[in-house]
Amino acid sequence: MIREHRNNVWVVRAGYCGQQEAVCLEKGYVSFDLNLHIMDLFGNELLEMKDQSHNYKRYLHFGDKYRDFDQRFRKEFEDAIKNVDYSADRPEVVKKMKRLNSKLKQFDEEVKQFDATMQKFDDFERLEQMKKAVLTRLSSPPIHLIESWAKDILHFTTDIRIYDLVVLPIMSEKMVAIGRVKDHYQYWKKKDTLSHRRRVDWHDTRVPFENMFFGFEKILESDSSITLLDGDEREFVLGIVIDDTF
């Protein structure tokens, strides 16, 4: 239940890599962006792509090309050295060896060009595979995620109020920062880390995850990125603020 007075307490997950949280703390904001969580839709596809060779077609066709050249070159080499008199200085031997060496250099250049072309082809195929997955997933995302995202958007833009408390998990450090909301929702048109933001006055104290209330880490695993705390959980955070003379 969202309270009308100034003691609502929210857990807001800003990101997973540490950069988003660091920028929030440095610039005095809390941010929320659905793009941070869009990859949750693609678990199976990403695992399949991870296990699949990025250069599958490249090496497949390269092997065919190499085997073809190897067969042709071996035959030419056998013909070139057949009945060669190694005891004499024979110009035709030198000529044949130079021609074979030239073929090797030519093949080496072909391989480099072929390698670059197939690399582009493999990159194109992987991109098309991912685009197809995106179109499939975004046209019909799971209902539970739609509901979670809708709630998160409403919470961040309208439900969080000035003077509410925000608990920001710093995932890379396993610590939380606590701040007080100072302003209404803002949309920063310049596309950066803090496109969607609320200005926050962050307290200097950081609290380890293990020192938070029981069940805190379960909140971090939920579909929702913004959670309103109630009951003992809310009182626990309010106690931190009081104890640290926030």
C-alpha atoms as a PDB file:
ATOM      1  CA  MET A   1       0.000   0.000   0.000  1.00  0.00           C
ATOM      2  CA  ILE A   2       1.364   3.401  -0.994  1.00  0.00           C
ATOM      3  CA  ARG A   3       1.222   5.745   1.959  1.00  0.00           C
ATOM      4  CA  GLU A   4       0.151   9.353   1.615  1.00  0.00           C
ATOM      5  CA  HIS A   5       2.708  10.664   4.083  1.00  0.00           C
ATOM      6  CA  ARG A   6       6.444  10.882   3.445  1.00  0.00           C
ATOM      7  CA  ASN A   7       7.622   7.472   4.574  1.00  0.00           C
ATOM      8  CA  ASN A   8       7.241   5.221   1.535  1.00  0.00           C
ATOM      9  CA  VAL A   9      10.298   3.031   1.046  1.00  0.00           C
ATOM     10  CA  TRP A  10      11.230   1.581  -2.357  1.00  0.00           C
ATOM     11  CA  VAL A  11      13.847  -0.848  -3.588  1.00  0.00           C
ATOM     12  CA  VAL A  12      14.909   0.299  -7.061  1.00  0.00           C
ATOM     13  CA  ARG A  13      17.217  -1.879  -9.150  1.00  0.00           C
ATOM     14  CA  ALA A  14      19.038   0.437 -11.528  1.00  0.00           C
ATOM     15  CA  GLY A  15      21.282  -2.104 -13.230  1.00  0.00           C
ATOM     16  CA  TYR A  16      23.467  -5.192 -12.995  1.00  0.00           C
ATOM     17  CA  CYS A  17      26.938  -4.199 -14.180  1.00  0.00           C
ATOM     18  CA  GLY A  18      27.701  -1.485 -11.603  1.00  0.00           C
ATOM     19  CA  GLN A  19      27.986   1.386 -14.054  1.00  0.00           C
ATOM     20  CA  GLN A  20      24.364   2.485 -13.737  1.00  0.00           C
ATOM     21  CA  GLU A  21      24.491   2.521  -9.940  1.00  0.00           C
ATOM     22  CA  ALA A  22      27.836   4.337  -9.910  1.00  0.00           C
ATOM     23  CA  VAL A  23      26.518   7.118 -12.151  1.00  0.00           C
ATOM     24  CA  CYS A  24      23.373   7.425 -10.015  1.00  0.00           C
ATOM     25  CA  LEU A  25      25.391   7.831  -6.841  1.00  0.00           C
ATOM     26  CA  GLU A  26      27.877  10.209  -8.440  1.00  0.00           C
ATOM     27  CA  LYS A  27      25.281  12.515 -10.018  1.00  0.00           C
ATOM     28  CA  GLY A  28      22.609  12.298  -7.330  1.00  0.00           C
ATOM     29  CA  TYR A  29      19.851  10.455  -9.183  1.00  0.00           C
ATOM     30  CA  VAL A  30      18.093   7.124  -9.268  1.00  0.00           C
ATOM     31  CA  SER A  31      17.363   5.771 -12.734  1.00  0.00           C
ATOM     32  CA  PHE A  32      15.114   3.156 -14.235  1.00  0.00           C
ATOM     33  CA  ASP A  33      15.269   1.868 -17.787  1.00  0.00           C
ATOM     34  CA  LEU A  34      13.422  -1.127 -19.242  1.00  0.00           C
ATOM     35  CA  ASN A  35      16.273  -1.620 -21.698  1.00  0.00           C
ATOM     36  CA  LEU A  36      18.382  -2.882 -18.817  1.00  0.00           C
ATOM     37  CA  HIS A  37      16.071  -5.857 -18.391  1.00  0.00           C
ATOM     38  CA  ILE A  38      15.080  -6.625 -21.979  1.00  0.00           C
ATOM     39  CA  MET A  39      17.612  -9.482 -22.156  1.00  0.00           C
ATOM     40  CA  ASP A  40      15.511 -11.427 -19.659  1.00  0.00           C
ATOM     41  CA  LEU A  41      13.271 -12.292 -22.609  1.00  0.00           C
ATOM     42  CA  PHE A  42      16.040 -14.042 -24.519  1.00  0.00           C
ATOM     43  CA  GLY A  43      17.501 -16.568 -22.086  1.00  0.00           C
ATOM     44  CA  ASN A  44      17.195 -19.632 -24.329  1.00  0.00           C
ATOM     45  CA  GLU A  45      18.286 -17.876 -27.510  1.00  0.00           C
ATOM     46  CA  LEU A  46      21.329 -16.366 -25.834  1.00  0.00           C
ATOM     47  CA  LEU A  47      22.400 -19.695 -24.372  1.00  0.00           C
ATOM     48  CA  GLU A  48      22.083 -21.347 -27.769  1.00  0.00           C
ATOM     49  CA  MET A  49      24.112 -18.581 -29.429  1.00  0.00           C
ATOM     50  CA  LYS A  50      26.736 -18.793 -26.699  1.00  0.00           C
ATOM     51  CA  ASP A  51      27.275 -22.497 -27.346  1.00  0.00           C
ATOM     52  CA  GLN A  52      27.220 -22.090 -31.110  1.00  0.00           C
ATOM     53  CA  SER A  53      30.485 -21.260 -32.872  1.00  0.00           C
ATOM     54  CA  HIS A  54      30.517 -17.639 -34.059  1.00  0.00           C
ATOM     55  CA  ASN A  55      32.478 -18.737 -37.102  1.00  0.00           C
ATOM     56  CA  TYR A  56      30.603 -21.917 -38.006  1.00  0.00           C
ATOM     57  CA  LYS A  57      30.026 -21.194 -41.706  1.00  0.00           C
ATOM     58  CA  ARG A  58      33.381 -19.512 -41.985  1.00  0.00           C
ATOM     59  CA  TYR A  59      35.335 -22.577 -40.880  1.00  0.00           C
ATOM     60  CA  LEU A  60      32.993 -24.997 -42.626  1.00  0.00           C
ATOM     61  CA  HIS A  61      33.580 -23.408 -46.040  1.00  0.00           C
ATOM     62  CA  PHE A  62      37.213 -22.673 -45.280  1.00  0.00           C
ATOM     63  CA  GLY A  63      37.790 -26.393 -44.733  1.00  0.00           C
ATOM     64  CA  ASP A  64      36.274 -27.215 -48.121  1.00  0.00           C
ATOM     65  CA  LYS A  65      38.394 -24.565 -49.812  1.00  0.00           C
ATOM     66  CA  TYR A  66      41.581 -25.771 -48.136  1.00  0.00           C
ATOM     67  CA  ARG A  67      40.957 -29.445 -48.977  1.00  0.00           C
ATOM     68  CA  ASP A  68      40.324 -28.570 -52.620  1.00  0.00           C
ATOM     69  CA  PHE A  69      43.537 -26.575 -52.852  1.00  0.00           C
ATOM     70  CA  ASP A  70      45.507 -29.241 -50.990  1.00  0.00           C
ATOM     71  CA  GLN A  71      44.469 -31.941 -53.426  1.00  0.00           C
ATOM     72  CA  ARG A  72      45.310 -29.840 -56.462  1.00  0.00           C
ATOM     73  CA  PHE A  73      48.629 -28.619 -55.030  1.00  0.00           C
ATOM     74  CA  ARG A  74      49.803 -32.106 -54.025  1.00  0.00           C
ATOM     75  CA  LYS A  75      49.229 -33.359 -57.554  1.00  0.00           C
ATOM     76  CA  GLU A  76      51.081 -30.421 -59.111  1.00  0.00           C
ATOM     77  CA  PHE A  77      53.933 -30.821 -56.639  1.00  0.00           C
ATOM     78  CA  GLU A  78      54.258 -34.548 -57.395  1.00  0.00           C
ATOM     79  CA  ASP A  79      54.312 -33.838 -61.126  1.00  0.00           C
ATOM     80  CA  ALA A  80      56.900 -31.075 -60.643  1.00  0.00           C
ATOM     81  CA  ILE A  81      59.416 -33.201 -58.741  1.00  0.00           C
ATOM     82  CA  LYS A  82      58.912 -36.353 -60.807  1.00  0.00           C
ATOM     83  CA  ASN A  83      62.132 -37.481 -62.501  1.00  0.00           C
ATOM     84  CA  VAL A  84      64.025 -34.383 -61.250  1.00  0.00           C
ATOM     85  CA  ASP A  85      67.821 -34.677 -61.347  1.00  0.00           C
ATOM     86  CA  TYR A  86      68.875 -33.066 -58.058  1.00  0.00           C
ATOM     87  CA  SER A  87      72.592 -33.471 -58.805  1.00  0.00           C
ATOM     88  CA  ALA A  88      72.572 -30.930 -61.601  1.00  0.00           C
ATOM     89  CA  ASP A  89      71.709 -27.280 -61.756  1.00  0.00           C
ATOM     90  CA  ARG A  90      68.597 -27.517 -63.893  1.00  0.00           C
ATOM     91  CA  PRO A  91      66.773 -24.254 -64.766  1.00  0.00           C
ATOM     92  CA  GLU A  92      63.435 -26.058 -65.259  1.00  0.00           C
ATOM     93  CA  VAL A  93      63.523 -27.268 -61.611  1.00  0.00           C
ATOM     94  CA  VAL A  94      64.049 -23.738 -60.351  1.00  0.00           C
ATOM     95  CA  LYS A  95      61.280 -22.535 -62.609  1.00  0.00           C
ATOM     96  CA  LYS A  96      58.871 -25.196 -61.342  1.00  0.00           C
ATOM     97  CA  MET A  97      59.703 -24.434 -57.711  1.00  0.00           C
ATOM     98  CA  LYS A  98      59.142 -20.726 -58.274  1.00  0.00           C
ATOM     99  CA  ARG A  99      55.786 -21.435 -59.917  1.00  0.00           C
ATOM    100  CA  LEU A 100      54.714 -23.615 -56.974  1.00  0.00           C
ATOM    101  CA  ASN A 101      55.849 -20.971 -54.505  1.00  0.00           C
ATOM    102  CA  SER A 102      53.851 -18.383 -56.402  1.00  0.00           C
ATOM    103  CA  LYS A 103      50.775 -20.608 -56.164  1.00  0.00           C
ATOM    104  CA  LEU A 104      51.236 -20.868 -52.395  1.00  0.00           C
ATOM    105  CA  LYS A 105      51.438 -17.090 -52.058  1.00  0.00           C
ATOM    106  CA  GLN A 106      48.385 -16.670 -54.264  1.00  0.00           C
ATOM    107  CA  PHE A 107      46.435 -19.182 -52.168  1.00  0.00           C
ATOM    108  CA  ASP A 108      47.514 -17.420 -48.982  1.00  0.00           C
ATOM    109  CA  GLU A 109      46.098 -14.148 -50.310  1.00  0.00           C
ATOM    110  CA  GLU A 110      42.877 -15.855 -51.383  1.00  0.00           C
ATOM    111  CA  VAL A 111      42.494 -17.345 -47.923  1.00  0.00           C
ATOM    112  CA  LYS A 112      42.875 -13.917 -46.285  1.00  0.00           C
ATOM    113  CA  GLN A 113      40.207 -12.432 -48.535  1.00  0.00           C
ATOM    114  CA  PHE A 114      37.935 -15.441 -48.087  1.00  0.00           C
ATOM    115  CA  ASP A 115      38.407 -15.309 -44.321  1.00  0.00           C
ATOM    116  CA  ALA A 116      37.354 -11.649 -44.180  1.00  0.00           C
ATOM    117  CA  THR A 117      34.323 -12.286 -46.404  1.00  0.00           C
ATOM    118  CA  MET A 118      33.126 -15.277 -44.381  1.00  0.00           C
ATOM    119  CA  GLN A 119      33.608 -13.357 -41.133  1.00  0.00           C
ATOM    120  CA  LYS A 120      31.178 -10.721 -42.434  1.00  0.00           C
ATOM    121  CA  PHE A 121      28.790 -13.471 -43.527  1.00  0.00           C
ATOM    122  CA  ASP A 122      28.851 -15.145 -40.097  1.00  0.00           C
ATOM    123  CA  ASP A 123      28.318 -11.794 -38.356  1.00  0.00           C
ATOM    124  CA  PHE A 124      25.369 -11.096 -40.660  1.00  0.00           C
ATOM    125  CA  GLU A 125      23.783 -14.492 -39.940  1.00  0.00           C
ATOM    126  CA  ARG A 126      24.145 -14.083 -36.166  1.00  0.00           C
ATOM    127  CA  LEU A 127      22.618 -10.600 -36.336  1.00  0.00           C
ATOM    128  CA  GLU A 128      19.671 -11.856 -38.394  1.00  0.00           C
ATOM    129  CA  GLN A 129      19.161 -14.701 -35.909  1.00  0.00           C
ATOM    130  CA  MET A 130      19.015 -12.235 -33.027  1.00  0.00           C
ATOM    131  CA  LYS A 131      16.728  -9.832 -34.905  1.00  0.00           C
ATOM    132  CA  LYS A 132      14.316 -12.701 -35.518  1.00  0.00           C
ATOM    133  CA  ALA A 133      14.373 -13.592 -31.802  1.00  0.00           C
ATOM    134  CA  VAL A 134      13.720  -9.946 -30.851  1.00  0.00           C
ATOM    135  CA  LEU A 135      10.756  -9.649 -33.211  1.00  0.00           C
ATOM    136  CA  THR A 136       9.330 -12.938 -31.961  1.00  0.00           C
ATOM    137  CA  ARG A 137       9.705 -12.083 -28.276  1.00  0.00           C
ATOM    138  CA  LEU A 138       8.628  -8.450 -28.379  1.00  0.00           C
ATOM    139  CA  SER A 139       5.525  -9.188 -30.420  1.00  0.00           C
ATOM    140  CA  SER A 140       4.302 -11.491 -27.665  1.00  0.00           C
ATOM    141  CA  PRO A 141       6.349 -11.100 -24.465  1.00  0.00           C
ATOM    142  CA  PRO A 142       5.358 -13.205 -21.436  1.00  0.00           C
ATOM    143  CA  ILE A 143       2.310 -11.815 -19.613  1.00  0.00           C
ATOM    144  CA  HIS A 144       4.073 -11.807 -16.249  1.00  0.00           C
ATOM    145  CA  LEU A 145       6.825  -9.563 -17.625  1.00  0.00           C
ATOM    146  CA  ILE A 146       4.356  -7.158 -19.225  1.00  0.00           C
ATOM    147  CA  GLU A 147       2.592  -6.793 -15.885  1.00  0.00           C
ATOM    148  CA  SER A 148       5.862  -6.327 -13.982  1.00  0.00           C
ATOM    149  CA  TRP A 149       7.176  -3.737 -16.424  1.00  0.00           C
ATOM    150  CA  ALA A 150       3.880  -1.834 -16.418  1.00  0.00           C
ATOM    151  CA  LYS A 151       3.898  -1.675 -12.622  1.00  0.00           C
ATOM    152  CA  ASP A 152       7.556  -0.614 -12.582  1.00  0.00           C
ATOM    153  CA  ILE A 153       6.884   2.234 -15.012  1.00  0.00           C
ATOM    154  CA  LEU A 154       3.928   3.497 -12.974  1.00  0.00           C
ATOM    155  CA  HIS A 155       5.863   3.211  -9.721  1.00  0.00           C
ATOM    156  CA  PHE A 156       8.840   5.134 -11.067  1.00  0.00           C
ATOM    157  CA  THR A 157       6.956   7.895 -12.859  1.00  0.00           C
ATOM    158  CA  THR A 158       4.004   8.540 -10.532  1.00  0.00           C
ATOM    159  CA  ASP A 159       3.996   6.477  -7.329  1.00  0.00           C
ATOM    160  CA  ILE A 160       7.422   7.397  -5.964  1.00  0.00           C
ATOM    161  CA  ARG A 161       7.021  10.787  -4.310  1.00  0.00           C
ATOM    162  CA  ILE A 162       9.259  13.527  -3.032  1.00  0.00           C
ATOM    163  CA  TYR A 163      10.722  12.610   0.397  1.00  0.00           C
ATOM    164  CA  ASP A 164      10.210   8.868  -0.163  1.00  0.00           C
ATOM    165  CA  LEU A 165      13.214   6.670   0.630  1.00  0.00           C
ATOM    166  CA  VAL A 166      14.994   4.687  -2.073  1.00  0.00           C
ATOM    167  CA  VAL A 167      17.106   1.589  -1.456  1.00  0.00           C
ATOM    168  CA  LEU A 168      19.559   1.166  -4.342  1.00  0.00           C
ATOM    169  CA  PRO A 169      21.300  -2.237  -4.569  1.00  0.00           C
ATOM    170  CA  ILE A 170      24.897  -1.854  -5.754  1.00  0.00           C
ATOM    171  CA  MET A 171      25.101  -5.292  -7.321  1.00  0.00           C
ATOM    172  CA  SER A 172      28.835  -5.295  -8.032  1.00  0.00           C
ATOM    173  CA  GLU A 173      29.655  -4.544  -4.374  1.00  0.00           C
ATOM    174  CA  LYS A 174      26.805  -6.447  -2.671  1.00  0.00           C
ATOM    175  CA  MET A 175      25.950  -3.242  -0.825  1.00  0.00           C
ATOM    176  CA  VAL A 176      22.927  -0.951  -0.750  1.00  0.00           C
ATOM    177  CA  ALA A 177      22.772   2.831  -0.778  1.00  0.00           C
ATOM    178  CA  ILE A 178      19.841   4.665   0.774  1.00  0.00           C
ATOM    179  CA  GLY A 179      18.605   8.055  -0.404  1.00  0.00           C
ATOM    180  CA  ARG A 180      15.693  10.446  -0.151  1.00  0.00           C
ATOM    181  CA  VAL A 181      13.784  11.540  -3.259  1.00  0.00           C
ATOM    182  CA  LYS A 182      14.099  15.286  -3.900  1.00  0.00           C
ATOM    183  CA  ASP A 183      12.207  15.847  -7.154  1.00  0.00           C
ATOM    184  CA  HIS A 184       9.523  14.576  -9.519  1.00  0.00           C
ATOM    185  CA  TYR A 185      10.144  12.168 -12.406  1.00  0.00           C
ATOM    186  CA  GLN A 186      12.237  13.613 -15.230  1.00  0.00           C
ATOM    187  CA  TYR A 187      12.857  12.438 -18.771  1.00  0.00           C
ATOM    188  CA  TRP A 188      16.225  13.510 -20.107  1.00  0.00           C
ATOM    189  CA  LYS A 189      15.998  13.496 -23.905  1.00  0.00           C
ATOM    190  CA  LYS A 190      19.729  13.191 -24.301  1.00  0.00           C
ATOM    191  CA  LYS A 191      20.183   9.417 -24.477  1.00  0.00           C
ATOM    192  CA  ASP A 192      22.531   8.460 -21.680  1.00  0.00           C
ATOM    193  CA  THR A 193      22.625   6.305 -18.568  1.00  0.00           C
ATOM    194  CA  LEU A 194      20.120   8.523 -16.771  1.00  0.00           C
ATOM    195  CA  SER A 195      17.443   9.073 -19.425  1.00  0.00           C
ATOM    196  CA  HIS A 196      14.670   8.322 -16.895  1.00  0.00           C
ATOM    197  CA  ARG A 197      15.492   9.684 -13.467  1.00  0.00           C
ATOM    198  CA  ARG A 198      14.521  11.038 -10.073  1.00  0.00           C
ATOM    199  CA  ARG A 199      16.820  13.354  -8.165  1.00  0.00           C
ATOM    200  CA  VAL A 200      17.940  11.754  -4.881  1.00  0.00           C
ATOM    201  CA  ASP A 201      19.973  12.866  -1.867  1.00  0.00           C
ATOM    202  CA  TRP A 202      22.173   9.823  -1.175  1.00  0.00           C
ATOM    203  CA  HIS A 203      23.403   9.107   2.321  1.00  0.00           C
ATOM    204  CA  ASP A 204      27.080   8.266   2.774  1.00  0.00           C
ATOM    205  CA  THR A 205      26.362   5.011   4.644  1.00  0.00           C
ATOM    206  CA  ARG A 206      26.475   1.741   2.681  1.00  0.00           C
ATOM    207  CA  VAL A 207      24.849  -1.411   4.078  1.00  0.00           C
ATOM    208  CA  PRO A 208      26.021  -4.943   3.070  1.00  0.00           C
ATOM    209  CA  PHE A 209      23.362  -7.233   1.616  1.00  0.00           C
ATOM    210  CA  GLU A 210      23.825  -9.678   4.493  1.00  0.00           C
ATOM    211  CA  ASN A 211      22.933  -6.931   6.994  1.00  0.00           C
ATOM    212  CA  MET A 212      19.629  -6.160   5.299  1.00  0.00           C
ATOM    213  CA  PHE A 213      16.292  -7.672   6.339  1.00  0.00           C
ATOM    214  CA  PHE A 214      15.510 -11.335   5.733  1.00  0.00           C
ATOM    215  CA  GLY A 215      14.315 -11.890   2.163  1.00  0.00           C
ATOM    216  CA  PHE A 216      16.075  -8.852   0.696  1.00  0.00           C
ATOM    217  CA  GLU A 217      18.067 -10.874  -1.828  1.00  0.00           C
ATOM    218  CA  LYS A 218      14.847 -12.570  -2.964  1.00  0.00           C
ATOM    219  CA  ILE A 219      13.550  -9.150  -3.985  1.00  0.00           C
ATOM    220  CA  LEU A 220      16.608  -8.787  -6.223  1.00  0.00           C
ATOM    221  CA  GLU A 221      15.603 -11.963  -8.082  1.00  0.00           C
ATOM    222  CA  SER A 222      12.030 -10.886  -8.828  1.00  0.00           C
ATOM    223  CA  ASP A 223      10.722  -9.800 -12.228  1.00  0.00           C
ATOM    224  CA  SER A 224       9.978  -6.348 -10.861  1.00  0.00           C
ATOM    225  CA  SER A 225      12.795  -3.818 -10.665  1.00  0.00           C
ATOM    226  CA  ILE A 226      10.893  -1.529  -8.294  1.00  0.00           C
ATOM    227  CA  THR A 227       9.421  -2.886  -5.067  1.00  0.00           C
ATOM    228  CA  LEU A 228       7.448  -1.033  -2.412  1.00  0.00           C
ATOM    229  CA  LEU A 229       8.439  -2.198   1.067  1.00  0.00           C
ATOM    230  CA  ASP A 230       5.848  -2.610   3.796  1.00  0.00           C
ATOM    231  CA  GLY A 231       5.577  -3.901   7.338  1.00  0.00           C
ATOM    232  CA  ASP A 232       8.797  -5.004   9.041  1.00  0.00           C
ATOM    233  CA  GLU A 233      10.854  -4.518   5.870  1.00  0.00           C
ATOM    234  CA  ARG A 234       9.845  -0.866   5.663  1.00  0.00           C
ATOM    235  CA  GLU A 235      10.460  -0.362   9.393  1.00  0.00           C
ATOM    236  CA  PHE A 236      13.913  -1.926   9.029  1.00  0.00           C
ATOM    237  CA  VAL A 237      14.985   0.660   6.429  1.00  0.00           C
ATOM    238  CA  LEU A 238      13.428   3.504   8.391  1.00  0.00           C
ATOM    239  CA  GLY A 239      15.464   2.296  11.383  1.00  0.00           C
ATOM    240  CA  ILE A 240      18.692   2.577   9.372  1.00  0.00           C
ATOM    241  CA  VAL A 241      17.809   6.133   8.420  1.00  0.00           C
ATOM    242  CA  ILE A 242      17.028   7.104  12.016  1.00  0.00           C
ATOM    243  CA  ASP A 243      20.123   5.389  13.437  1.00  0.00           C
ATOM    244  CA  ASP A 244      22.375   7.166  10.923  1.00  0.00           C
ATOM    245  CA  THR A 245      20.685  10.546  11.394  1.00  0.00           C
ATOM    246  CA  PHE A 246      19.922  10.724   7.696  1.00  0.00           C
END
